[in-house]
Amino acid sequence: IRNIPVFRAFAEDFQRYCPDAFIANYTNPMAALTATLQQC
């Protein structure tokens, strides 16, 4: 719950500044945070 808002902000920045970049996530809880990226 404390990392998901950060990853949502990351996702917004990826869309704006590097929309074609490949994103590799190692941060735990990895599945929940990867799901956040892929939804946002």
ModelCIF file with pLDDT and N, C-alpha, C, O atoms, coordinates in Angstrom:
data_MODEL
#
_entry.id   MODEL 
#
_entity.id                         1 
_entity.type                       polymer 
_entity.pdbx_number_of_molecules   1 
#
_entity_poly.entity_id                      1 
_entity_poly.type                           'polypeptide(L)' 
_entity_poly.nstd_linkage                   no 
_entity_poly.nstd_monomer                   no 
_entity_poly.pdbx_seq_one_letter_code       IRNIPVFRAFAEDFQRYCPDAFIANYTNPMAALTATLQQC 
_entity_poly.pdbx_seq_one_letter_code_can   IRNIPVFRAFAEDFQRYCPDAFIANYTNPMAALTATLQQC 
_entity_poly.pdbx_strand_id                 A 
#
loop_
_entity_poly_seq.entity_id 
_entity_poly_seq.num 
_entity_poly_seq.mon_id 
_entity_poly_seq.hetero 
1 1  ILE n 
1 2  ARG n 
1 3  ASN n 
1 4  ILE n 
1 5  PRO n 
1 6  VAL n 
1 7  PHE n 
1 8  ARG n 
1 9  ALA n 
1 10 PHE n 
1 11 ALA n 
1 12 GLU n 
1 13 ASP n 
1 14 PHE n 
1 15 GLN n 
1 16 ARG n 
1 17 TYR n 
1 18 CYS n 
1 19 PRO n 
1 20 ASP n 
1 21 ALA n 
1 22 PHE n 
1 23 ILE n 
1 24 ALA n 
1 25 ASN n 
1 26 TYR n 
1 27 THR n 
1 28 ASN n 
1 29 PRO n 
1 30 MET n 
1 31 ALA n 
1 32 ALA n 
1 33 LEU n 
1 34 THR n 
1 35 ALA n 
1 36 THR n 
1 37 LEU n 
1 38 GLN n 
1 39 GLN n 
1 40 CYS n 
#
_struct_asym.id          A 
_struct_asym.entity_id   1 
#
loop_
_ma_qa_metric.id 
_ma_qa_metric.mode 
_ma_qa_metric.name 
_ma_qa_metric.software_group_id 
_ma_qa_metric.type 
1 global pLDDT . pLDDT 
2 local  pLDDT . pLDDT 
#
_ma_qa_metric_global.metric_id      1 
_ma_qa_metric_global.metric_value   97.88 
_ma_qa_metric_global.model_id       1 
_ma_qa_metric_global.ordinal_id     1 
#
loop_
_ma_qa_metric_local.label_asym_id 
_ma_qa_metric_local.label_comp_id 
_ma_qa_metric_local.label_seq_id 
_ma_qa_metric_local.metric_id 
_ma_qa_metric_local.metric_value 
_ma_qa_metric_local.model_id 
_ma_qa_metric_local.ordinal_id 
A ILE 1  2 98.00 1 1  
A ARG 2  2 98.00 1 2  
A ASN 3  2 98.00 1 3  
A ILE 4  2 98.00 1 4  
A PRO 5  2 98.00 1 5  
A VAL 6  2 98.00 1 6  
A PHE 7  2 98.00 1 7  
A ARG 8  2 98.00 1 8  
A ALA 9  2 98.00 1 9  
A PHE 10 2 98.00 1 10 
A ALA 11 2 98.00 1 11 
A GLU 12 2 98.00 1 12 
A ASP 13 2 98.00 1 13 
A PHE 14 2 98.00 1 14 
A GLN 15 2 98.00 1 15 
A ARG 16 2 98.00 1 16 
A TYR 17 2 98.00 1 17 
A CYS 18 2 98.00 1 18 
A PRO 19 2 98.00 1 19 
A ASP 20 2 97.00 1 20 
A ALA 21 2 98.00 1 21 
A PHE 22 2 98.00 1 22 
A ILE 23 2 98.00 1 23 
A ALA 24 2 98.00 1 24 
A ASN 25 2 98.00 1 25 
A TYR 26 2 97.00 1 26 
A THR 27 2 97.00 1 27 
A ASN 28 2 97.00 1 28 
A PRO 29 2 98.00 1 29 
A MET 30 2 97.00 1 30 
A ALA 31 2 98.00 1 31 
A ALA 32 2 98.00 1 32 
A LEU 33 2 98.00 1 33 
A THR 34 2 98.00 1 34 
A ALA 35 2 98.00 1 35 
A THR 36 2 98.00 1 36 
A LEU 37 2 98.00 1 37 
A GLN 38 2 98.00 1 38 
A GLN 39 2 98.00 1 39 
A CYS 40 2 98.00 1 40 
#
loop_
_atom_site.group_PDB 
_atom_site.id 
_atom_site.type_symbol 
_atom_site.label_atom_id 
_atom_site.label_alt_id 
_atom_site.label_comp_id 
_atom_site.label_asym_id 
_atom_site.label_entity_id 
_atom_site.label_seq_id 
_atom_site.pdbx_PDB_ins_code 
_atom_site.Cartn_x 
_atom_site.Cartn_y 
_atom_site.Cartn_z 
_atom_site.occupancy 
_atom_site.B_iso_or_equiv 
_atom_site.pdbx_formal_charge 
_atom_site.auth_seq_id 
_atom_site.auth_comp_id 
_atom_site.auth_asym_id 
_atom_site.auth_atom_id 
_atom_site.pdbx_PDB_model_num 
ATOM 1   N N  . ILE A 1 1  ? 0.817  -1.216 0.000   1.00 98.00 ? 1  ILE A N  1 
ATOM 2   C CA . ILE A 1 1  ? 0.000  0.000  0.000   1.00 98.00 ? 1  ILE A CA 1 
ATOM 3   C C  . ILE A 1 1  ? 0.852  1.269  0.000   1.00 98.00 ? 1  ILE A C  1 
ATOM 4   O O  . ILE A 1 1  ? 0.384  2.318  -0.443  1.00 98.00 ? 1  ILE A O  1 
ATOM 5   N N  . ARG A 1 2  ? 2.102  1.194  0.491   1.00 98.00 ? 2  ARG A N  1 
ATOM 6   C CA . ARG A 1 2  ? 2.929  2.405  0.434   1.00 98.00 ? 2  ARG A CA 1 
ATOM 7   C C  . ARG A 1 2  ? 3.720  2.508  -0.873  1.00 98.00 ? 2  ARG A C  1 
ATOM 8   O O  . ARG A 1 2  ? 4.165  3.595  -1.240  1.00 98.00 ? 2  ARG A O  1 
ATOM 9   N N  . ASN A 1 3  ? 3.898  1.379  -1.581  1.00 98.00 ? 3  ASN A N  1 
ATOM 10  C CA . ASN A 1 3  ? 4.647  1.411  -2.834  1.00 98.00 ? 3  ASN A CA 1 
ATOM 11  C C  . ASN A 1 3  ? 3.773  1.628  -4.063  1.00 98.00 ? 3  ASN A C  1 
ATOM 12  O O  . ASN A 1 3  ? 4.232  2.198  -5.053  1.00 98.00 ? 3  ASN A O  1 
ATOM 13  N N  . ILE A 1 4  ? 2.517  1.181  -4.013  1.00 98.00 ? 4  ILE A N  1 
ATOM 14  C CA . ILE A 1 4  ? 1.655  1.290  -5.189  1.00 98.00 ? 4  ILE A CA 1 
ATOM 15  C C  . ILE A 1 4  ? 1.486  2.742  -5.640  1.00 98.00 ? 4  ILE A C  1 
ATOM 16  O O  . ILE A 1 4  ? 1.577  2.995  -6.841  1.00 98.00 ? 4  ILE A O  1 
ATOM 17  N N  . PRO A 1 5  ? 1.245  3.721  -4.742  1.00 98.00 ? 5  PRO A N  1 
ATOM 18  C CA . PRO A 1 5  ? 1.158  5.100  -5.221  1.00 98.00 ? 5  PRO A CA 1 
ATOM 19  C C  . PRO A 1 5  ? 2.437  5.577  -5.914  1.00 98.00 ? 5  PRO A C  1 
ATOM 20  O O  . PRO A 1 5  ? 2.377  6.337  -6.881  1.00 98.00 ? 5  PRO A O  1 
ATOM 21  N N  . VAL A 1 6  ? 3.585  5.134  -5.421  1.00 98.00 ? 6  VAL A N  1 
ATOM 22  C CA . VAL A 1 6  ? 4.851  5.509  -6.049  1.00 98.00 ? 6  VAL A CA 1 
ATOM 23  C C  . VAL A 1 6  ? 4.930  4.921  -7.453  1.00 98.00 ? 6  VAL A C  1 
ATOM 24  O O  . VAL A 1 6  ? 5.350  5.599  -8.390  1.00 98.00 ? 6  VAL A O  1 
ATOM 25  N N  . PHE A 1 7  ? 4.531  3.671  -7.597  1.00 98.00 ? 7  PHE A N  1 
ATOM 26  C CA . PHE A 1 7  ? 4.596  3.022  -8.909  1.00 98.00 ? 7  PHE A CA 1 
ATOM 27  C C  . PHE A 1 7  ? 3.566  3.610  -9.872  1.00 98.00 ? 7  PHE A C  1 
ATOM 28  O O  . PHE A 1 7  ? 3.804  3.657  -11.079 1.00 98.00 ? 7  PHE A O  1 
ATOM 29  N N  . ARG A 1 8  ? 2.437  4.052  -9.351  1.00 98.00 ? 8  ARG A N  1 
ATOM 30  C CA . ARG A 1 8  ? 1.485  4.738  -10.231 1.00 98.00 ? 8  ARG A CA 1 
ATOM 31  C C  . ARG A 1 8  ? 2.106  6.030  -10.765 1.00 98.00 ? 8  ARG A C  1 
ATOM 32  O O  . ARG A 1 8  ? 1.934  6.361  -11.938 1.00 98.00 ? 8  ARG A O  1 
ATOM 33  N N  . ALA A 1 9  ? 2.821  6.756  -9.915  1.00 98.00 ? 9  ALA A N  1 
ATOM 34  C CA . ALA A 1 9  ? 3.510  7.969  -10.367 1.00 98.00 ? 9  ALA A CA 1 
ATOM 35  C C  . ALA A 1 9  ? 4.615  7.633  -11.367 1.00 98.00 ? 9  ALA A C  1 
ATOM 36  O O  . ALA A 1 9  ? 4.803  8.347  -12.352 1.00 98.00 ? 9  ALA A O  1 
ATOM 37  N N  . PHE A 1 10 ? 5.350  6.540  -11.111 1.00 98.00 ? 10 PHE A N  1 
ATOM 38  C CA . PHE A 1 10 ? 6.346  6.098  -12.085 1.00 98.00 ? 10 PHE A CA 1 
ATOM 39  C C  . PHE A 1 10 ? 5.688  5.859  -13.445 1.00 98.00 ? 10 PHE A C  1 
ATOM 40  O O  . PHE A 1 10 ? 6.184  6.317  -14.474 1.00 98.00 ? 10 PHE A O  1 
ATOM 41  N N  . ALA A 1 11 ? 4.568  5.137  -13.436 1.00 98.00 ? 11 ALA A N  1 
ATOM 42  C CA . ALA A 1 11 ? 3.890  4.790  -14.686 1.00 98.00 ? 11 ALA A CA 1 
ATOM 43  C C  . ALA A 1 11 ? 3.486  6.038  -15.462 1.00 98.00 ? 11 ALA A C  1 
ATOM 44  O O  . ALA A 1 11 ? 3.619  6.085  -16.685 1.00 98.00 ? 11 ALA A O  1 
ATOM 45  N N  . GLU A 1 12 ? 2.996  7.040  -14.755 1.00 98.00 ? 12 GLU A N  1 
ATOM 46  C CA . GLU A 1 12 ? 2.629  8.296  -15.421 1.00 98.00 ? 12 GLU A CA 1 
ATOM 47  C C  . GLU A 1 12 ? 3.851  8.949  -16.063 1.00 98.00 ? 12 GLU A C  1 
ATOM 48  O O  . GLU A 1 12 ? 3.762  9.492  -17.164 1.00 98.00 ? 12 GLU A O  1 
ATOM 49  N N  . ASP A 1 13 ? 4.987  8.896  -15.377 1.00 98.00 ? 13 ASP A N  1 
ATOM 50  C CA . ASP A 1 13 ? 6.221  9.464  -15.935 1.00 98.00 ? 13 ASP A CA 1 
ATOM 51  C C  . ASP A 1 13 ? 6.714  8.657  -17.133 1.00 98.00 ? 13 ASP A C  1 
ATOM 52  O O  . ASP A 1 13 ? 7.204  9.228  -18.108 1.00 98.00 ? 13 ASP A O  1 
ATOM 53  N N  . PHE A 1 14 ? 6.586  7.344  -17.064 1.00 98.00 ? 14 PHE A N  1 
ATOM 54  C CA . PHE A 1 14 ? 7.011  6.524  -18.204 1.00 98.00 ? 14 PHE A CA 1 
ATOM 55  C C  . PHE A 1 14 ? 6.201  6.879  -19.441 1.00 98.00 ? 14 PHE A C  1 
ATOM 56  O O  . PHE A 1 14 ? 6.752  7.011  -20.534 1.00 98.00 ? 14 PHE A O  1 
ATOM 57  N N  . GLN A 1 15 ? 4.905  7.031  -19.271 1.00 98.00 ? 15 GLN A N  1 
ATOM 58  C CA . GLN A 1 15 ? 4.050  7.379  -20.402 1.00 98.00 ? 15 GLN A CA 1 
ATOM 59  C C  . GLN A 1 15 ? 4.426  8.732  -21.004 1.00 98.00 ? 15 GLN A C  1 
ATOM 60  O O  . GLN A 1 15 ? 4.333  8.934  -22.215 1.00 98.00 ? 15 GLN A O  1 
ATOM 61  N N  . ARG A 1 16 ? 4.845  9.638  -20.153 1.00 98.00 ? 16 ARG A N  1 
ATOM 62  C CA . ARG A 1 16 ? 5.146  10.994 -20.625 1.00 98.00 ? 16 ARG A CA 1 
ATOM 63  C C  . ARG A 1 16 ? 6.556  11.124 -21.192 1.00 98.00 ? 16 ARG A C  1 
ATOM 64  O O  . ARG A 1 16 ? 6.749  11.771 -22.221 1.00 98.00 ? 16 ARG A O  1 
ATOM 65  N N  . TYR A 1 17 ? 7.543  10.518 -20.534 1.00 98.00 ? 17 TYR A N  1 
ATOM 66  C CA . TYR A 1 17 ? 8.940  10.803 -20.881 1.00 98.00 ? 17 TYR A CA 1 
ATOM 67  C C  . TYR A 1 17 ? 9.644  9.687  -21.662 1.00 98.00 ? 17 TYR A C  1 
ATOM 68  O O  . TYR A 1 17 ? 10.628 9.947  -22.354 1.00 98.00 ? 17 TYR A O  1 
ATOM 69  N N  . CYS A 1 18 ? 9.151  8.455  -21.556 1.00 98.00 ? 18 CYS A N  1 
ATOM 70  C CA . CYS A 1 18 ? 9.809  7.345  -22.288 1.00 98.00 ? 18 CYS A CA 1 
ATOM 71  C C  . CYS A 1 18 ? 8.777  6.268  -22.596 1.00 98.00 ? 18 CYS A C  1 
ATOM 72  O O  . CYS A 1 18 ? 8.901  5.146  -22.105 1.00 98.00 ? 18 CYS A O  1 
ATOM 73  N N  . PRO A 1 19 ? 7.763  6.581  -23.397 1.00 98.00 ? 19 PRO A N  1 
ATOM 74  C CA . PRO A 1 19 ? 6.630  5.675  -23.604 1.00 98.00 ? 19 PRO A CA 1 
ATOM 75  C C  . PRO A 1 19 ? 6.987  4.359  -24.285 1.00 98.00 ? 19 PRO A C  1 
ATOM 76  O O  . PRO A 1 19 ? 6.203  3.411  -24.242 1.00 98.00 ? 19 PRO A O  1 
ATOM 77  N N  . ASP A 1 20 ? 8.158  4.288  -24.913 1.00 97.00 ? 20 ASP A N  1 
ATOM 78  C CA . ASP A 1 20 ? 8.551  3.049  -25.584 1.00 97.00 ? 20 ASP A CA 1 
ATOM 79  C C  . ASP A 1 20 ? 9.588  2.258  -24.794 1.00 97.00 ? 20 ASP A C  1 
ATOM 80  O O  . ASP A 1 20 ? 10.046 1.213  -25.257 1.00 97.00 ? 20 ASP A O  1 
ATOM 81  N N  . ALA A 1 21 ? 9.963  2.733  -23.623 1.00 98.00 ? 21 ALA A N  1 
ATOM 82  C CA . ALA A 1 21 ? 11.017 2.074  -22.846 1.00 98.00 ? 21 ALA A CA 1 
ATOM 83  C C  . ALA A 1 21 ? 10.531 0.747  -22.272 1.00 98.00 ? 21 ALA A C  1 
ATOM 84  O O  . ALA A 1 21 ? 9.357  0.591  -21.936 1.00 98.00 ? 21 ALA A O  1 
ATOM 85  N N  . PHE A 1 22 ? 11.446 -0.196 -22.167 1.00 98.00 ? 22 PHE A N  1 
ATOM 86  C CA . PHE A 1 22 ? 11.179 -1.481 -21.523 1.00 98.00 ? 22 PHE A CA 1 
ATOM 87  C C  . PHE A 1 22 ? 11.381 -1.314 -20.021 1.00 98.00 ? 22 PHE A C  1 
ATOM 88  O O  . PHE A 1 22 ? 12.392 -0.762 -19.585 1.00 98.00 ? 22 PHE A O  1 
ATOM 89  N N  . ILE A 1 23 ? 10.420 -1.790 -19.229 1.00 98.00 ? 23 ILE A N  1 
ATOM 90  C CA . ILE A 1 23 ? 10.473 -1.623 -17.777 1.00 98.00 ? 23 ILE A CA 1 
ATOM 91  C C  . ILE A 1 23 ? 10.677 -2.976 -17.110 1.00 98.00 ? 23 ILE A C  1 
ATOM 92  O O  . ILE A 1 23 ? 9.889  -3.899 -17.316 1.00 98.00 ? 23 ILE A O  1 
ATOM 93  N N  . ALA A 1 24 ? 11.730 -3.096 -16.313 1.00 98.00 ? 24 ALA A N  1 
ATOM 94  C CA . ALA A 1 24 ? 12.007 -4.321 -15.550 1.00 98.00 ? 24 ALA A CA 1 
ATOM 95  C C  . ALA A 1 24 ? 11.924 -3.987 -14.067 1.00 98.00 ? 24 ALA A C  1 
ATOM 96  O O  . ALA A 1 24 ? 12.684 -3.161 -13.562 1.00 98.00 ? 24 ALA A O  1 
ATOM 97  N N  . ASN A 1 25 ? 10.993 -4.639 -13.377 1.00 98.00 ? 25 ASN A N  1 
ATOM 98  C CA . ASN A 1 25 ? 10.785 -4.350 -11.957 1.00 98.00 ? 25 ASN A CA 1 
ATOM 99  C C  . ASN A 1 25 ? 11.330 -5.462 -11.080 1.00 98.00 ? 25 ASN A C  1 
ATOM 100 O O  . ASN A 1 25 ? 11.005 -6.633 -11.273 1.00 98.00 ? 25 ASN A O  1 
ATOM 101 N N  . TYR A 1 26 ? 12.178 -5.083 -10.095 1.00 97.00 ? 26 TYR A N  1 
ATOM 102 C CA . TYR A 1 26 ? 12.695 -6.023 -9.101  1.00 97.00 ? 26 TYR A CA 1 
ATOM 103 C C  . TYR A 1 26 ? 12.149 -5.737 -7.704  1.00 97.00 ? 26 TYR A C  1 
ATOM 104 O O  . TYR A 1 26 ? 12.444 -6.481 -6.769  1.00 97.00 ? 26 TYR A O  1 
ATOM 105 N N  . THR A 1 27 ? 11.363 -4.680 -7.543  1.00 97.00 ? 27 THR A N  1 
ATOM 106 C CA . THR A 1 27 ? 10.916 -4.266 -6.214  1.00 97.00 ? 27 THR A CA 1 
ATOM 107 C C  . THR A 1 27 ? 9.768  -5.139 -5.719  1.00 97.00 ? 27 THR A C  1 
ATOM 108 O O  . THR A 1 27 ? 8.841  -5.438 -6.472  1.00 97.00 ? 27 THR A O  1 
ATOM 109 N N  . ASN A 1 28 ? 9.829  -5.544 -4.457  1.00 97.00 ? 28 ASN A N  1 
ATOM 110 C CA . ASN A 1 28 ? 8.752  -6.310 -3.828  1.00 97.00 ? 28 ASN A CA 1 
ATOM 111 C C  . ASN A 1 28 ? 7.789  -5.397 -3.084  1.00 97.00 ? 28 ASN A C  1 
ATOM 112 O O  . ASN A 1 28 ? 8.190  -4.338 -2.602  1.00 97.00 ? 28 ASN A O  1 
ATOM 113 N N  . PRO A 1 29 ? 6.501  -5.801 -2.984  1.00 98.00 ? 29 PRO A N  1 
ATOM 114 C CA . PRO A 1 29 ? 5.928  -7.026 -3.519  1.00 98.00 ? 29 PRO A CA 1 
ATOM 115 C C  . PRO A 1 29 ? 5.838  -6.951 -5.048  1.00 98.00 ? 29 PRO A C  1 
ATOM 116 O O  . PRO A 1 29 ? 5.051  -6.189 -5.610  1.00 98.00 ? 29 PRO A O  1 
ATOM 117 N N  . MET A 1 30 ? 6.664  -7.761 -5.691  1.00 97.00 ? 30 MET A N  1 
ATOM 118 C CA . MET A 1 30 ? 6.910  -7.599 -7.112  1.00 97.00 ? 30 MET A CA 1 
ATOM 119 C C  . MET A 1 30 ? 5.654  -7.759 -7.964  1.00 97.00 ? 30 MET A C  1 
ATOM 120 O O  . MET A 1 30 ? 5.444  -6.985 -8.898  1.00 97.00 ? 30 MET A O  1 
ATOM 121 N N  . ALA A 1 31 ? 4.822  -8.744 -7.660  1.00 98.00 ? 31 ALA A N  1 
ATOM 122 C CA . ALA A 1 31 ? 3.638  -8.968 -8.472  1.00 98.00 ? 31 ALA A CA 1 
ATOM 123 C C  . ALA A 1 31 ? 2.662  -7.794 -8.371  1.00 98.00 ? 31 ALA A C  1 
ATOM 124 O O  . ALA A 1 31 ? 2.160  -7.321 -9.391  1.00 98.00 ? 31 ALA A O  1 
ATOM 125 N N  . ALA A 1 32 ? 2.390  -7.323 -7.156  1.00 98.00 ? 32 ALA A N  1 
ATOM 126 C CA . ALA A 1 32 ? 1.454  -6.207 -6.982  1.00 98.00 ? 32 ALA A CA 1 
ATOM 127 C C  . ALA A 1 32 ? 1.960  -4.947 -7.666  1.00 98.00 ? 32 ALA A C  1 
ATOM 128 O O  . ALA A 1 32 ? 1.176  -4.210 -8.265  1.00 98.00 ? 32 ALA A O  1 
ATOM 129 N N  . LEU A 1 33 ? 3.255  -4.693 -7.584  1.00 98.00 ? 33 LEU A N  1 
ATOM 130 C CA . LEU A 1 33 ? 3.805  -3.468 -8.162  1.00 98.00 ? 33 LEU A CA 1 
ATOM 131 C C  . LEU A 1 33 ? 3.933  -3.576 -9.677  1.00 98.00 ? 33 LEU A C  1 
ATOM 132 O O  . LEU A 1 33 ? 3.767  -2.585 -10.387 1.00 98.00 ? 33 LEU A O  1 
ATOM 133 N N  . THR A 1 34 ? 4.223  -4.766 -10.171 1.00 98.00 ? 34 THR A N  1 
ATOM 134 C CA . THR A 1 34 ? 4.239  -4.967 -11.617 1.00 98.00 ? 34 THR A CA 1 
ATOM 135 C C  . THR A 1 34 ? 2.826  -4.830 -12.179 1.00 98.00 ? 34 THR A C  1 
ATOM 136 O O  . THR A 1 34 ? 2.640  -4.260 -13.254 1.00 98.00 ? 34 THR A O  1 
ATOM 137 N N  . ALA A 1 35 ? 1.833  -5.348 -11.462 1.00 98.00 ? 35 ALA A N  1 
ATOM 138 C CA . ALA A 1 35 ? 0.443  -5.182 -11.886 1.00 98.00 ? 35 ALA A CA 1 
ATOM 139 C C  . ALA A 1 35 ? 0.077  -3.698 -11.949 1.00 98.00 ? 35 ALA A C  1 
ATOM 140 O O  . ALA A 1 35 ? -0.636 -3.271 -12.856 1.00 98.00 ? 35 ALA A O  1 
ATOM 141 N N  . THR A 1 36 ? 0.564  -2.918 -10.989 1.00 98.00 ? 36 THR A N  1 
ATOM 142 C CA . THR A 1 36 ? 0.302  -1.472 -10.997 1.00 98.00 ? 36 THR A CA 1 
ATOM 143 C C  . THR A 1 36 ? 0.847  -0.831 -12.261 1.00 98.00 ? 36 THR A C  1 
ATOM 144 O O  . THR A 1 36 ? 0.154  -0.053 -12.916 1.00 98.00 ? 36 THR A O  1 
ATOM 145 N N  . LEU A 1 37 ? 2.083  -1.154 -12.604 1.00 98.00 ? 37 LEU A N  1 
ATOM 146 C CA . LEU A 1 37 ? 2.676  -0.613 -13.832 1.00 98.00 ? 37 LEU A CA 1 
ATOM 147 C C  . LEU A 1 37 ? 1.859  -1.008 -15.055 1.00 98.00 ? 37 LEU A C  1 
ATOM 148 O O  . LEU A 1 37 ? 1.565  -0.172 -15.910 1.00 98.00 ? 37 LEU A O  1 
ATOM 149 N N  . GLN A 1 38 ? 1.496  -2.277 -15.135 1.00 98.00 ? 38 GLN A N  1 
ATOM 150 C CA . GLN A 1 38 ? 0.827  -2.771 -16.332 1.00 98.00 ? 38 GLN A CA 1 
ATOM 151 C C  . GLN A 1 38 ? -0.596 -2.249 -16.464 1.00 98.00 ? 38 GLN A C  1 
ATOM 152 O O  . GLN A 1 38 ? -1.148 -2.219 -17.564 1.00 98.00 ? 38 GLN A O  1 
ATOM 153 N N  . GLN A 1 39 ? -1.196 -1.837 -15.344 1.00 98.00 ? 39 GLN A N  1 
ATOM 154 C CA . GLN A 1 39 ? -2.520 -1.210 -15.417 1.00 98.00 ? 39 GLN A CA 1 
ATOM 155 C C  . GLN A 1 39 ? -2.443 0.284  -15.707 1.00 98.00 ? 39 GLN A C  1 
ATOM 156 O O  . GLN A 1 39 ? -3.398 0.862  -16.227 1.00 98.00 ? 39 GLN A O  1 
ATOM 157 N N  . CYS A 1 40 ? -1.314 0.916  -15.376 1.00 98.00 ? 40 CYS A N  1 
ATOM 158 C CA . CYS A 1 40 ? -1.251 2.376  -15.415 1.00 98.00 ? 40 CYS A CA 1 
ATOM 159 C C  . CYS A 1 40 ? -0.401 2.944  -16.548 1.00 98.00 ? 40 CYS A C  1 
ATOM 160 O O  . CYS A 1 40 ? -0.278 4.162  -16.677 1.00 98.00 ? 40 CYS A O  1 
#
